[in-house]
Amino acid sequence: MSDAVGPGDLVLCVNAAPNHVTGEPVPLIAGETYRVAAVMDFACPCGRSDALLDVGVDFAWCQSRFRLMPKPRFEAKTQRVSAPREKQKVR
């Protein structure tokens, strides 16, 4: 997933279980979306991922806790443009 995730992407927290290295509770909330600040190409000690994500909460988290949110699709919409009408001079 590290090649697909980049800074500015939205990710969904799917695993707010205690820290799998220290066993301490995590401040992440399952079901919440977070914006990725940085992707660090560093293997997580758990061995489940090849990168850590910085989402602005604490330090960095194993990318296996998150799922990448799809990017919004924008559709081009035609808009009506009103042009000024020419005025006729009356003498």
PDB file of N, CA and C in Angstrom:
ATOM      1  N   MET A   1       0.814  -1.190   0.000  1.00  0.00           N
ATOM      2  CA  MET A   1       0.000   0.000   0.000  1.00  0.00           C
ATOM      3  C   MET A   1       0.857   1.253   0.000  1.00  0.00           C
ATOM      4  N   SER A   2       2.114   1.199   0.435  1.00  0.00           N
ATOM      5  CA  SER A   2       2.922   2.405   0.566  1.00  0.00           C
ATOM      6  C   SER A   2       3.122   3.121  -0.758  1.00  0.00           C
ATOM      7  N   ASP A   3       3.130   2.372  -1.874  1.00  0.00           N
ATOM      8  CA  ASP A   3       3.309   3.041  -3.155  1.00  0.00           C
ATOM      9  C   ASP A   3       2.032   3.750  -3.593  1.00  0.00           C
ATOM     10  N   ALA A   4       0.875   3.324  -3.085  1.00  0.00           N
ATOM     11  CA  ALA A   4      -0.382   3.943  -3.463  1.00  0.00           C
ATOM     12  C   ALA A   4      -0.714   5.142  -2.575  1.00  0.00           C
ATOM     13  N   VAL A   5      -0.198   5.171  -1.360  1.00  0.00           N
ATOM     14  CA  VAL A   5      -0.508   6.240  -0.407  1.00  0.00           C
ATOM     15  C   VAL A   5       0.558   7.318  -0.491  1.00  0.00           C
ATOM     16  N   GLY A   6       0.106   8.552  -0.487  1.00  0.00           N
ATOM     17  CA  GLY A   6       1.045   9.655  -0.507  1.00  0.00           C
ATOM     18  C   GLY A   6       0.574  10.771   0.406  1.00  0.00           C
ATOM     19  N   PRO A   7       1.414  11.759   0.631  1.00  0.00           N
ATOM     20  CA  PRO A   7       1.007  12.890   1.470  1.00  0.00           C
ATOM     21  C   PRO A   7      -0.241  13.565   0.913  1.00  0.00           C
ATOM     22  N   GLY A   8      -1.171  13.865   1.800  1.00  0.00           N
ATOM     23  CA  GLY A   8      -2.411  14.519   1.406  1.00  0.00           C
ATOM     24  C   GLY A   8      -3.562  13.562   1.159  1.00  0.00           C
ATOM     25  N   ASP A   9      -3.299  12.260   1.065  1.00  0.00           N
ATOM     26  CA  ASP A   9      -4.363  11.281   0.840  1.00  0.00           C
ATOM     27  C   ASP A   9      -5.174  11.070   2.113  1.00  0.00           C
ATOM     28  N   LEU A  10      -6.426  10.673   1.934  1.00  0.00           N
ATOM     29  CA  LEU A  10      -7.275  10.337   3.066  1.00  0.00           C
ATOM     30  C   LEU A  10      -7.228   8.835   3.290  1.00  0.00           C
ATOM     31  N   VAL A  11      -7.093   8.442   4.560  1.00  0.00           N
ATOM     32  CA  VAL A  11      -7.093   7.033   4.927  1.00  0.00           C
ATOM     33  C   VAL A  11      -8.123   6.814   6.024  1.00  0.00           C
ATOM     34  N   LEU A  12      -8.714   5.629   6.030  1.00  0.00           N
ATOM     35  CA  LEU A  12      -9.706   5.245   7.019  1.00  0.00           C
ATOM     36  C   LEU A  12      -9.055   4.332   8.036  1.00  0.00           C
ATOM     37  N   CYS A  13      -9.217   4.643   9.317  1.00  0.00           N
ATOM     38  CA  CYS A  13      -8.677   3.794  10.377  1.00  0.00           C
ATOM     39  C   CYS A  13      -9.595   2.580  10.536  1.00  0.00           C
ATOM     40  N   VAL A  14      -9.048   1.394  10.318  1.00  0.00           N
ATOM     41  CA  VAL A  14      -9.838   0.173  10.431  1.00  0.00           C
ATOM     42  C   VAL A  14      -9.408  -0.685  11.616  1.00  0.00           C
ATOM     43  N   ASN A  15      -8.335  -0.276  12.295  1.00  0.00           N
ATOM     44  CA  ASN A  15      -7.817  -1.079  13.402  1.00  0.00           C
ATOM     45  C   ASN A  15      -7.295  -0.144  14.486  1.00  0.00           C
ATOM     46  N   ALA A  16      -8.086   0.044  15.532  1.00  0.00           N
ATOM     47  CA  ALA A  16      -7.671   0.885  16.653  1.00  0.00           C
ATOM     48  C   ALA A  16      -7.302   0.032  17.858  1.00  0.00           C
ATOM     49  N   ALA A  17      -6.840  -1.185  17.602  1.00  0.00           N
ATOM     50  CA  ALA A  17      -6.412  -2.094  18.664  1.00  0.00           C
ATOM     51  C   ALA A  17      -5.197  -1.496  19.369  1.00  0.00           C
ATOM     52  N   PRO A  18      -4.880  -1.962  20.561  1.00  0.00           N
ATOM     53  CA  PRO A  18      -3.697  -1.453  21.257  1.00  0.00           C
ATOM     54  C   PRO A  18      -2.440  -1.603  20.408  1.00  0.00           C
ATOM     55  N   ASN A  19      -1.456  -0.794  20.705  1.00  0.00           N
ATOM     56  CA  ASN A  19      -0.192  -0.815  19.975  1.00  0.00           C
ATOM     57  C   ASN A  19       0.359  -2.231  19.986  1.00  0.00           C
ATOM     58  N   HIS A  20       0.652  -2.793  18.802  1.00  0.00           N
ATOM     59  CA  HIS A  20       1.065  -4.181  18.728  1.00  0.00           C
ATOM     60  C   HIS A  20       2.528  -4.397  19.094  1.00  0.00           C
ATOM     61  N   VAL A  21       3.251  -3.329  19.430  1.00  0.00           N
ATOM     62  CA  VAL A  21       4.627  -3.477  19.895  1.00  0.00           C
ATOM     63  C   VAL A  21       4.683  -3.306  21.404  1.00  0.00           C
ATOM     64  N   THR A  22       4.040  -2.242  21.918  1.00  0.00           N
ATOM     65  CA  THR A  22       4.111  -1.954  23.350  1.00  0.00           C
ATOM     66  C   THR A  22       2.882  -2.412  24.124  1.00  0.00           C
ATOM     67  N   GLY A  23       1.748  -2.609  23.448  1.00  0.00           N
ATOM     68  CA  GLY A  23       0.517  -3.009  24.126  1.00  0.00           C
ATOM     69  C   GLY A  23      -0.264  -1.856  24.716  1.00  0.00           C
ATOM     70  N   GLU A  24       0.218  -0.620  24.534  1.00  0.00           N
ATOM     71  CA  GLU A  24      -0.477   0.555  25.071  1.00  0.00           C
ATOM     72  C   GLU A  24      -1.662   0.929  24.184  1.00  0.00           C
ATOM     73  N   PRO A  25      -2.713   1.542  24.767  1.00  0.00           N
ATOM     74  CA  PRO A  25      -3.848   1.981  23.951  1.00  0.00           C
ATOM     75  C   PRO A  25      -3.421   3.077  22.970  1.00  0.00           C
ATOM     76  N   VAL A  26      -4.085   3.124  21.833  1.00  0.00           N
ATOM     77  CA  VAL A  26      -3.738   4.109  20.810  1.00  0.00           C
ATOM     78  C   VAL A  26      -4.797   5.218  20.765  1.00  0.00           C
ATOM     79  N   PRO A  27      -4.408   6.433  20.387  1.00  0.00           N
ATOM     80  CA  PRO A  27      -5.368   7.527  20.313  1.00  0.00           C
ATOM     81  C   PRO A  27      -6.178   7.548  19.017  1.00  0.00           C
ATOM     82  N   LEU A  28      -5.997   6.567  18.153  1.00  0.00           N
ATOM     83  CA  LEU A  28      -6.752   6.509  16.903  1.00  0.00           C
ATOM     84  C   LEU A  28      -8.165   6.013  17.172  1.00  0.00           C
ATOM     85  N   ILE A  29      -9.100   6.398  16.312  1.00  0.00           N
ATOM     86  CA  ILE A  29     -10.487   5.977  16.459  1.00  0.00           C
ATOM     87  C   ILE A  29     -10.889   5.197  15.211  1.00  0.00           C
ATOM     88  N   ALA A  30     -11.367   3.976  15.398  1.00  0.00           N
ATOM     89  CA  ALA A  30     -11.795   3.157  14.258  1.00  0.00           C
ATOM     90  C   ALA A  30     -12.977   3.825  13.566  1.00  0.00           C
ATOM     91  N   GLY A  31     -12.930   3.883  12.259  1.00  0.00           N
ATOM     92  CA  GLY A  31     -13.999   4.503  11.484  1.00  0.00           C
ATOM     93  C   GLY A  31     -13.757   5.969  11.172  1.00  0.00           C
ATOM     94  N   GLU A  32     -12.726   6.555  11.753  1.00  0.00           N
ATOM     95  CA  GLU A  32     -12.393   7.955  11.480  1.00  0.00           C
ATOM     96  C   GLU A  32     -11.442   8.036  10.293  1.00  0.00           C
ATOM     97  N   THR A  33     -11.526   9.136   9.557  1.00  0.00           N
ATOM     98  CA  THR A  33     -10.605   9.348   8.450  1.00  0.00           C
ATOM     99  C   THR A  33      -9.504  10.296   8.897  1.00  0.00           C
ATOM    100  N   TYR A  34      -8.328  10.068   8.377  1.00  0.00           N
ATOM    101  CA  TYR A  34      -7.160  10.892   8.693  1.00  0.00           C
ATOM    102  C   TYR A  34      -6.466  11.272   7.393  1.00  0.00           C
ATOM    103  N   ARG A  35      -5.843  12.451   7.382  1.00  0.00           N
ATOM    104  CA  ARG A  35      -5.077  12.891   6.226  1.00  0.00           C
ATOM    105  C   ARG A  35      -3.607  12.539   6.456  1.00  0.00           C
ATOM    106  N   VAL A  36      -2.990  11.913   5.479  1.00  0.00           N
ATOM    107  CA  VAL A  36      -1.601  11.482   5.584  1.00  0.00           C
ATOM    108  C   VAL A  36      -0.686  12.696   5.450  1.00  0.00           C
ATOM    109  N   ALA A  37       0.171  12.900   6.445  1.00  0.00           N
ATOM    110  CA  ALA A  37       1.145  13.995   6.394  1.00  0.00           C
ATOM    111  C   ALA A  37       2.431  13.526   5.732  1.00  0.00           C
ATOM    112  N   ALA A  38       2.835  12.287   5.998  1.00  0.00           N
ATOM    113  CA  ALA A  38       4.072  11.747   5.413  1.00  0.00           C
ATOM    114  C   ALA A  38       4.016  10.226   5.412  1.00  0.00           C
ATOM    115  N   VAL A  39       4.720   9.658   4.459  1.00  0.00           N
ATOM    116  CA  VAL A  39       4.882   8.204   4.380  1.00  0.00           C
ATOM    117  C   VAL A  39       6.358   7.909   4.597  1.00  0.00           C
ATOM    118  N   MET A  40       6.660   7.124   5.621  1.00  0.00           N
ATOM    119  CA  MET A  40       8.046   6.792   5.932  1.00  0.00           C
ATOM    120  C   MET A  40       8.323   5.349   5.521  1.00  0.00           C
ATOM    121  N   ASP A  41       9.228   5.170   4.574  1.00  0.00           N
ATOM    122  CA  ASP A  41       9.579   3.835   4.104  1.00  0.00           C
ATOM    123  C   ASP A  41      10.456   3.141   5.144  1.00  0.00           C
ATOM    124  N   PHE A  42       9.791   2.642   6.174  1.00  0.00           N
ATOM    125  CA  PHE A  42      10.460   1.970   7.277  1.00  0.00           C
ATOM    126  C   PHE A  42       9.586   0.792   7.662  1.00  0.00           C
ATOM    127  N   ALA A  43      10.123  -0.387   7.641  1.00  0.00           N
ATOM    128  CA  ALA A  43       9.340  -1.575   7.963  1.00  0.00           C
ATOM    129  C   ALA A  43       8.857  -1.527   9.409  1.00  0.00           C
ATOM    130  N   CYS A  44       7.590  -1.787   9.587  1.00  0.00           N
ATOM    131  CA  CYS A  44       7.013  -1.818  10.931  1.00  0.00           C
ATOM    132  C   CYS A  44       7.560  -3.029  11.677  1.00  0.00           C
ATOM    133  N   PRO A  45       7.829  -2.907  12.982  1.00  0.00           N
ATOM    134  CA  PRO A  45       8.358  -4.045  13.743  1.00  0.00           C
ATOM    135  C   PRO A  45       7.452  -5.278  13.723  1.00  0.00           C
ATOM    136  N   CYS A  46       6.165  -5.092  13.445  1.00  0.00           N
ATOM    137  CA  CYS A  46       5.259  -6.244  13.435  1.00  0.00           C
ATOM    138  C   CYS A  46       5.451  -7.103  12.188  1.00  0.00           C
ATOM    139  N   GLY A  47       6.058  -6.540  11.147  1.00  0.00           N
ATOM    140  CA  GLY A  47       6.283  -7.280   9.922  1.00  0.00           C
ATOM    141  C   GLY A  47       5.107  -7.297   8.974  1.00  0.00           C
ATOM    142  N   ARG A  48       4.015  -6.579   9.311  1.00  0.00           N
ATOM    143  CA  ARG A  48       2.831  -6.580   8.461  1.00  0.00           C
ATOM    144  C   ARG A  48       2.858  -5.508   7.382  1.00  0.00           C
ATOM    145  N   SER A  49       3.765  -4.535   7.494  1.00  0.00           N
ATOM    146  CA  SER A  49       3.782  -3.470   6.499  1.00  0.00           C
ATOM    147  C   SER A  49       5.201  -3.007   6.224  1.00  0.00           C
ATOM    148  N   ASP A  50       5.357  -2.349   5.087  1.00  0.00           N
ATOM    149  CA  ASP A  50       6.684  -1.866   4.694  1.00  0.00           C
ATOM    150  C   ASP A  50       6.813  -0.356   4.832  1.00  0.00           C
ATOM    151  N   ALA A  51       5.827   0.282   5.458  1.00  0.00           N
ATOM    152  CA  ALA A  51       5.893   1.736   5.647  1.00  0.00           C
ATOM    153  C   ALA A  51       5.081   2.141   6.872  1.00  0.00           C
ATOM    154  N   LEU A  52       5.459   3.276   7.440  1.00  0.00           N
ATOM    155  CA  LEU A  52       4.715   3.873   8.548  1.00  0.00           C
ATOM    156  C   LEU A  52       4.079   5.154   8.045  1.00  0.00           C
ATOM    157  N   LEU A  53       2.870   5.448   8.505  1.00  0.00           N
ATOM    158  CA  LEU A  53       2.152   6.646   8.083  1.00  0.00           C
ATOM    159  C   LEU A  53       2.102   7.643   9.223  1.00  0.00           C
ATOM    160  N   ASP A  54       2.400   8.904   8.915  1.00  0.00           N
ATOM    161  CA  ASP A  54       2.244   9.993   9.871  1.00  0.00           C
ATOM    162  C   ASP A  54       0.924  10.667   9.553  1.00  0.00           C
ATOM    163  N   VAL A  55      -0.044  10.556  10.466  1.00  0.00           N
ATOM    164  CA  VAL A  55      -1.364  11.146  10.258  1.00  0.00           C
ATOM    165  C   VAL A  55      -1.619  12.305  11.215  1.00  0.00           C
ATOM    166  N   GLY A  56      -0.572  12.806  11.860  1.00  0.00           N
ATOM    167  CA  GLY A  56      -0.709  13.950  12.754  1.00  0.00           C
ATOM    168  C   GLY A  56      -1.159  13.590  14.155  1.00  0.00           C
ATOM    169  N   VAL A  57      -1.303  12.312  14.464  1.00  0.00           N
ATOM    170  CA  VAL A  57      -1.675  11.861  15.803  1.00  0.00           C
ATOM    171  C   VAL A  57      -0.502  11.057  16.340  1.00  0.00           C
ATOM    172  N   ASP A  58       0.068  11.512  17.435  1.00  0.00           N
ATOM    173  CA  ASP A  58       1.259  10.887  18.003  1.00  0.00           C
ATOM    174  C   ASP A  58       2.385  10.914  16.984  1.00  0.00           C
ATOM    175  N   PHE A  59       3.062   9.802  16.750  1.00  0.00           N
ATOM    176  CA  PHE A  59       4.215   9.823  15.845  1.00  0.00           C
ATOM    177  C   PHE A  59       3.874   9.200  14.500  1.00  0.00           C
ATOM    178  N   ALA A  60       3.991   7.907  14.361  1.00  0.00           N
ATOM    179  CA  ALA A  60       3.711   7.222  13.099  1.00  0.00           C
ATOM    180  C   ALA A  60       3.033   5.897  13.389  1.00  0.00           C
ATOM    181  N   TRP A  61       2.220   5.452  12.438  1.00  0.00           N
ATOM    182  CA  TRP A  61       1.433   4.247  12.644  1.00  0.00           C
ATOM    183  C   TRP A  61       1.644   3.271  11.505  1.00  0.00           C
ATOM    184  N   CYS A  62       1.537   1.994  11.839  1.00  0.00           N
ATOM    185  CA  CYS A  62       1.633   0.916  10.857  1.00  0.00           C
ATOM    186  C   CYS A  62       0.539   1.112   9.810  1.00  0.00           C
ATOM    187  N   GLN A  63       0.897   1.012   8.552  1.00  0.00           N
ATOM    188  CA  GLN A  63      -0.091   1.237   7.496  1.00  0.00           C
ATOM    189  C   GLN A  63      -1.160   0.151   7.460  1.00  0.00           C
ATOM    190  N   SER A  64      -0.946  -0.970   8.166  1.00  0.00           N
ATOM    191  CA  SER A  64      -1.968  -2.017   8.192  1.00  0.00           C
ATOM    192  C   SER A  64      -3.188  -1.578   9.004  1.00  0.00           C
ATOM    193  N   ARG A  65      -3.080  -0.488   9.748  1.00  0.00           N
ATOM    194  CA  ARG A  65      -4.229   0.041  10.500  1.00  0.00           C
ATOM    195  C   ARG A  65      -5.177   0.853   9.622  1.00  0.00           C
ATOM    196  N   PHE A  66      -4.769   1.166   8.403  1.00  0.00           N
ATOM    197  CA  PHE A  66      -5.531   2.085   7.555  1.00  0.00           C
ATOM    198  C   PHE A  66      -5.874   1.466   6.211  1.00  0.00           C
ATOM    199  N   ARG A  67      -6.919   1.995   5.590  1.00  0.00           N
ATOM    200  CA  ARG A  67      -7.277   1.670   4.218  1.00  0.00           C
ATOM    201  C   ARG A  67      -7.380   2.988   3.455  1.00  0.00           C
ATOM    202  N   LEU A  68      -6.863   2.994   2.256  1.00  0.00           N
ATOM    203  CA  LEU A  68      -6.880   4.192   1.426  1.00  0.00           C
ATOM    204  C   LEU A  68      -8.300   4.497   0.974  1.00  0.00           C
ATOM    205  N   MET A  69      -8.732   5.736   1.161  1.00  0.00           N
ATOM    206  CA  MET A  69     -10.058   6.176   0.709  1.00  0.00           C
ATOM    207  C   MET A  69      -9.979   6.512  -0.777  1.00  0.00           C
ATOM    208  N   PRO A  70     -11.031   6.211  -1.535  1.00  0.00           N
ATOM    209  CA  PRO A  70     -10.998   6.551  -2.959  1.00  0.00           C
ATOM    210  C   PRO A  70     -11.018   8.056  -3.152  1.00  0.00           C
ATOM    211  N   LYS A  71     -10.339   8.492  -4.194  1.00  0.00           N
ATOM    212  CA  LYS A  71     -10.316   9.922  -4.497  1.00  0.00           C
ATOM    213  C   LYS A  71     -11.647  10.318  -5.126  1.00  0.00           C
ATOM    214  N   PRO A  72     -12.158  11.501  -4.812  1.00  0.00           N
ATOM    215  CA  PRO A  72     -13.434  11.920  -5.404  1.00  0.00           C
ATOM    216  C   PRO A  72     -13.299  12.118  -6.910  1.00  0.00           C
ATOM    217  N   ARG A  73     -14.337  11.740  -7.617  1.00  0.00           N
ATOM    218  CA  ARG A  73     -14.346  11.920  -9.069  1.00  0.00           C
ATOM    219  C   ARG A  73     -15.135  13.170  -9.396  1.00  0.00           C
ATOM    220  N   PHE A  74     -14.512  14.028 -10.133  1.00  0.00           N
ATOM    221  CA  PHE A  74     -15.171  15.262 -10.509  1.00  0.00           C
ATOM    222  C   PHE A  74     -15.651  15.155 -11.947  1.00  0.00           C
ATOM    223  N   GLU A  75     -16.907  15.516 -12.165  1.00  0.00           N
ATOM    224  CA  GLU A  75     -17.459  15.495 -13.506  1.00  0.00           C
ATOM    225  C   GLU A  75     -17.529  16.920 -14.025  1.00  0.00           C
ATOM    226  N   ALA A  76     -17.139  17.074 -15.268  1.00  0.00           N
ATOM    227  CA  ALA A  76     -17.210  18.392 -15.881  1.00  0.00           C
ATOM    228  C   ALA A  76     -18.676  18.709 -16.180  1.00  0.00           C
ATOM    229  N   LYS A  77     -19.138  19.811 -15.693  1.00  0.00           N
ATOM    230  CA  LYS A  77     -20.513  20.231 -15.928  1.00  0.00           C
ATOM    231  C   LYS A  77     -20.495  21.463 -16.821  1.00  0.00           C
ATOM    232  N   THR A  78     -21.377  21.455 -17.784  1.00  0.00           N
ATOM    233  CA  THR A  78     -21.472  22.636 -18.655  1.00  0.00           C
ATOM    234  C   THR A  78     -22.239  23.717 -17.924  1.00  0.00           C
ATOM    235  N   GLN A  79     -21.726  24.907 -18.020  1.00  0.00           N
ATOM    236  CA  GLN A  79     -22.365  26.029 -17.355  1.00  0.00           C
ATOM    237  C   GLN A  79     -22.798  27.044 -18.395  1.00  0.00           C
ATOM    238  N   ARG A  80     -23.923  27.646 -18.133  1.00  0.00           N
ATOM    239  CA  ARG A  80     -24.390  28.700 -19.024  1.00  0.00           C
ATOM    240  C   ARG A  80     -23.662  29.991 -18.664  1.00  0.00           C
ATOM    241  N   VAL A  81     -23.184  30.641 -19.694  1.00  0.00           N
ATOM    242  CA  VAL A  81     -22.492  31.903 -19.488  1.00  0.00           C
ATOM    243  C   VAL A  81     -23.347  32.983 -20.109  1.00  0.00           C
ATOM    244  N   SER A  82     -23.679  33.968 -19.322  1.00  0.00           N
ATOM    245  CA  SER A  82     -24.493  35.059 -19.870  1.00  0.00           C
ATOM    246  C   SER A  82     -23.568  36.146 -20.417  1.00  0.00           C
ATOM    247  N   ALA A  83     -23.802  36.489 -21.655  1.00  0.00           N
ATOM    248  CA  ALA A  83     -23.012  37.540 -22.288  1.00  0.00           C
ATOM    249  C   ALA A  83     -23.818  38.837 -22.246  1.00  0.00           C
ATOM    250  N   PRO A  84     -23.145  39.953 -22.090  1.00  0.00           N
ATOM    251  CA  PRO A  84     -23.885  41.220 -22.069  1.00  0.00           C
ATOM    252  C   PRO A  84     -24.524  41.489 -23.438  1.00  0.00           C
ATOM    253  N   ARG A  85     -25.732  42.038 -23.417  1.00  0.00           N
ATOM    254  CA  ARG A  85     -26.424  42.348 -24.665  1.00  0.00           C
ATOM    255  C   ARG A  85     -25.982  43.720 -25.165  1.00  0.00           C
ATOM    256  N   GLU A  86     -25.941  43.795 -26.459  1.00  0.00           N
ATOM    257  CA  GLU A  86     -25.575  45.094 -27.044  1.00  0.00           C
ATOM    258  C   GLU A  86     -26.776  46.016 -26.984  1.00  0.00           C
ATOM    259  N   LYS A  87     -26.516  47.242 -26.635  1.00  0.00           N
ATOM    260  CA  LYS A  87     -27.582  48.222 -26.552  1.00  0.00           C
ATOM    261  C   LYS A  87     -27.618  49.036 -27.835  1.00  0.00           C
ATOM    262  N   GLN A  88     -28.816  49.326 -28.312  1.00  0.00           N
ATOM    263  CA  GLN A  88     -28.954  50.154 -29.494  1.00  0.00           C
ATOM    264  C   GLN A  88     -29.168  51.588 -29.062  1.00  0.00           C
ATOM    265  N   LYS A  89     -28.463  52.455 -29.725  1.00  0.00           N
ATOM    266  CA  LYS A  89     -28.610  53.884 -29.405  1.00  0.00           C
ATOM    267  C   LYS A  89     -29.839  54.432 -30.126  1.00  0.00           C
ATOM    268  N   VAL A  90     -30.637  55.180 -29.428  1.00  0.00           N
ATOM    269  CA  VAL A  90     -31.831  55.803 -29.996  1.00  0.00           C
ATOM    270  C   VAL A  90     -31.572  57.290 -30.087  1.00  0.00           C
ATOM    271  N   ARG A  91     -31.807  57.894 -31.311  1.00  0.00           N
ATOM    272  CA  ARG A  91     -31.600  59.335 -31.466  1.00  0.00           C
ATOM    273  C   ARG A  91     -32.859  60.091 -31.403  1.00  0.00           C
TER     274      ARG A  91
END
